[in-house]
Protein backbone atom coordinates (compact mmCIF):
# COMPACT_ATOMS: atom_id res chain seq x y z
CA MET A 1 0.00 0.00 0.00
CA GLU A 2 2.89 2.40 0.78
CA ASN A 3 3.97 2.14 -2.85
CA ALA A 4 0.69 3.85 -3.68
CA ILE A 5 1.92 6.94 -1.83
CA ARG A 6 3.70 9.45 -4.04
CA ILE A 7 5.44 12.67 -3.05
CA GLU A 8 4.55 15.60 -5.26
CA ARG A 9 5.41 19.31 -5.41
CA ILE A 10 2.39 21.47 -4.63
CA GLY A 11 1.90 24.55 -6.78
CA ASP A 12 0.06 27.65 -5.58
CA ASP A 13 -2.85 26.65 -7.82
CA SER A 14 -3.16 23.13 -6.37
CA PRO A 15 -6.59 22.06 -5.12
CA HIS A 16 -4.80 20.75 -2.00
CA VAL A 17 -3.44 24.11 -0.76
CA ALA A 18 -6.36 24.89 1.58
CA THR A 19 -6.38 21.37 3.08
CA LEU A 20 -2.64 21.32 3.74
CA ALA A 21 -2.73 24.86 5.13
CA GLU A 22 -5.59 23.89 7.45
CA TRP A 23 -3.55 20.96 8.79
CA THR A 24 -0.47 23.06 9.45
CA HIS A 25 -2.56 25.86 10.97
CA ALA A 26 -4.29 23.38 13.29
CA GLN A 27 -0.94 21.84 14.27
CA TRP A 28 1.23 24.96 14.64
CA GLY A 29 -1.13 27.93 14.53
CA HIS A 30 -0.39 28.63 18.20
CA LEU A 31 3.09 29.76 17.10
CA HIS A 32 1.45 32.61 15.17
CA PRO A 33 -0.98 34.13 17.69
CA GLY A 34 -3.79 36.05 16.04
CA ARG A 35 -3.21 34.59 12.57
CA ARG A 36 -6.57 33.60 11.16
CA LEU A 37 -7.04 30.60 8.89
CA ASP A 38 -7.47 32.74 5.76
CA ALA A 39 -4.14 34.45 6.46
CA ALA A 40 -2.53 31.06 7.14
CA ILE A 41 -3.80 29.75 3.79
CA ALA A 42 -2.45 32.83 1.99
CA ALA A 43 0.95 32.44 3.69
CA PHE A 44 1.00 28.73 2.81
CA ARG A 45 0.09 29.43 -0.81
CA ALA A 46 3.01 31.90 -1.00
CA GLU A 47 5.38 29.06 0.02
CA CYS A 48 4.32 26.90 -2.95
CA GLY A 49 7.29 27.76 -5.13
CA THR A 50 8.33 26.16 -8.40
CA GLY A 51 11.72 24.94 -7.14
CA GLY A 52 14.21 25.43 -4.34
CA VAL A 53 13.22 27.80 -1.53
CA PRO A 54 10.32 27.97 -0.95
CA SER A 55 8.73 24.64 -1.88
CA VAL A 56 5.83 22.59 -0.52
CA PHE A 57 5.44 18.84 -1.00
CA ALA A 58 2.52 16.54 -0.31
CA ALA A 59 2.29 12.80 0.19
CA LEU A 60 -0.67 11.69 -1.93
CA GLN A 61 -2.58 8.43 -1.85
CA GLY A 62 -4.28 8.58 -5.20
CA GLU A 63 -5.51 12.18 -5.28
CA ILE A 64 -5.95 12.40 -1.48
CA PRO A 65 -3.26 14.20 0.55
CA VAL A 66 -2.07 12.31 3.62
CA GLY A 67 1.01 14.37 4.56
CA THR A 68 3.02 17.49 3.82
CA ALA A 69 6.45 19.10 4.31
CA SER A 70 8.03 22.39 3.23
CA LEU A 71 11.39 23.96 2.44
CA VAL A 72 11.33 27.58 3.57
CA ALA A 73 13.84 30.41 3.97
CA ASP A 74 12.81 31.32 7.52
CA ASP A 75 11.00 29.23 10.12
CA MET A 76 12.27 30.88 13.30
CA SER A 77 11.78 34.63 13.36
CA ASP A 78 14.69 35.39 15.70
CA ARG A 79 17.22 33.12 13.94
CA ARG A 80 17.15 34.49 10.41
CA GLU A 81 20.86 33.74 9.96
CA LEU A 82 19.90 30.06 9.82
CA THR A 83 18.54 29.17 6.38
CA PRO A 84 16.90 27.30 4.76
CA TRP A 85 14.53 25.27 6.97
CA LEU A 86 12.66 22.01 6.76
CA ALA A 87 9.22 22.99 8.06
CA SER A 88 5.67 21.79 8.58
CA VAL A 89 6.31 18.05 8.39
CA TYR A 90 2.88 16.57 9.06
CA VAL A 91 1.24 13.22 8.36
CA LEU A 92 -2.40 12.47 9.15
CA PRO A 93 -2.57 10.37 12.36
CA GLU A 94 -4.11 7.36 10.61
CA TRP A 95 -1.22 7.29 8.11
CA ARG A 96 1.63 7.55 10.64
CA GLY A 97 4.12 4.75 11.22
CA ARG A 98 4.41 3.93 7.51
CA GLY A 99 7.56 5.88 6.63
CA ILE A 100 5.67 8.76 5.00
CA ALA A 101 7.26 11.48 7.15
CA SER A 102 10.72 10.05 6.36
CA ARG A 103 9.95 10.12 2.62
CA LEU A 104 8.74 13.72 2.87
CA VAL A 105 11.90 14.74 4.77
CA ARG A 106 14.10 13.01 2.16
CA ARG A 107 12.27 14.80 -0.66
CA VAL A 108 12.83 18.18 0.99
CA GLU A 109 16.50 17.26 1.54
CA GLU A 110 16.81 16.42 -2.18
CA GLU A 111 15.28 19.79 -3.05
CA ALA A 112 17.70 21.70 -0.80
CA ARG A 113 20.72 19.78 -2.09
CA ALA A 114 19.68 20.15 -5.75
CA HIS A 115 19.53 23.92 -5.26
CA GLY A 116 23.05 24.18 -3.83
CA HIS A 117 22.41 24.16 -0.08
CA GLY A 118 25.05 22.28 1.91
CA HIS A 119 23.00 22.26 5.09
CA PHE A 120 19.64 23.23 6.48
CA TYR A 121 17.71 23.42 9.72
CA LEU A 122 14.55 22.44 11.54
CA TYR A 123 13.14 22.80 15.00
CA THR A 124 10.97 20.32 16.83
CA PRO A 125 9.52 20.00 20.31
CA ASP A 126 9.08 16.21 20.21
CA GLN A 127 10.36 14.46 17.06
CA GLN A 128 14.10 14.55 17.74
CA ALA A 129 14.44 10.74 17.54
CA LEU A 130 12.92 10.60 14.04
CA TYR A 131 15.22 13.30 12.72
CA ARG A 132 18.32 11.83 14.39
CA ARG A 133 17.58 8.52 12.62
CA LEU A 134 17.47 10.48 9.34
CA GLY A 135 20.92 12.01 9.92
CA TRP A 136 20.02 15.29 11.62
CA ARG A 137 22.16 16.55 14.51
CA ASP A 138 21.15 18.60 17.53
CA LEU A 139 22.36 22.19 17.31
CA GLU A 140 20.65 23.97 20.19
CA GLU A 141 18.01 23.48 22.88
CA ARG A 142 15.90 26.54 23.49
CA GLU A 143 12.48 27.96 24.18
CA TYR A 144 10.64 29.37 21.19
CA ARG A 145 7.27 31.06 21.56
CA GLY A 146 6.60 29.30 24.83
CA GLU A 147 7.66 25.84 23.69
CA ALA A 148 10.84 23.90 24.51
CA VAL A 149 12.36 22.94 21.14
CA THR A 150 15.52 21.50 19.65
CA ILE A 151 17.05 23.24 16.64
CA MET A 152 18.59 20.56 14.44
CA ARG A 153 20.95 20.76 11.45
CA ARG A 154 21.43 18.46 8.49
CA ALA A 155 24.60 18.77 6.41
CA PHE A 156 25.37 17.17 3.08
CA ALA A 157 27.53 17.77 0.07
CA PRO A 158 25.73 20.12 -2.33
CA SER A 159 24.77 18.62 -5.66
CA MET A 160 26.94 19.57 -8.61
CA GLY A 161 23.98 18.96 -10.95
């Protein structure tokens, strides 16, 4: 069944933009106090680039999205010197435990590498073990917008392609 899952770039005209934005808003909206859903959808749509930073990817089962992940320039407002970022990795609860998040992370890594980035960052309050298994290293423990998080870094040789 997992073979039926494909990872696809999401364009700003995709019919899935609102759904994916709703998921990420529900999951992480508390990090943007006062941001309404319509503003979250607009911000998400703006991240749907055609290549490199920014880019949004979705895991699709047929035409149904089951997960998402993004490559963005800035995911931590007070650490703008760190760029780019793996952001908004989310898989629907009923689809977890099937390697979908790992495939999304790998796709975003490929995108960063293909566009000349030798490293990139993420932060997570609770998924450190997953990212460590995928080759990420802890960079810093800190509090961000009221949440204890770990900033992590992934380094790789940039693609010469």
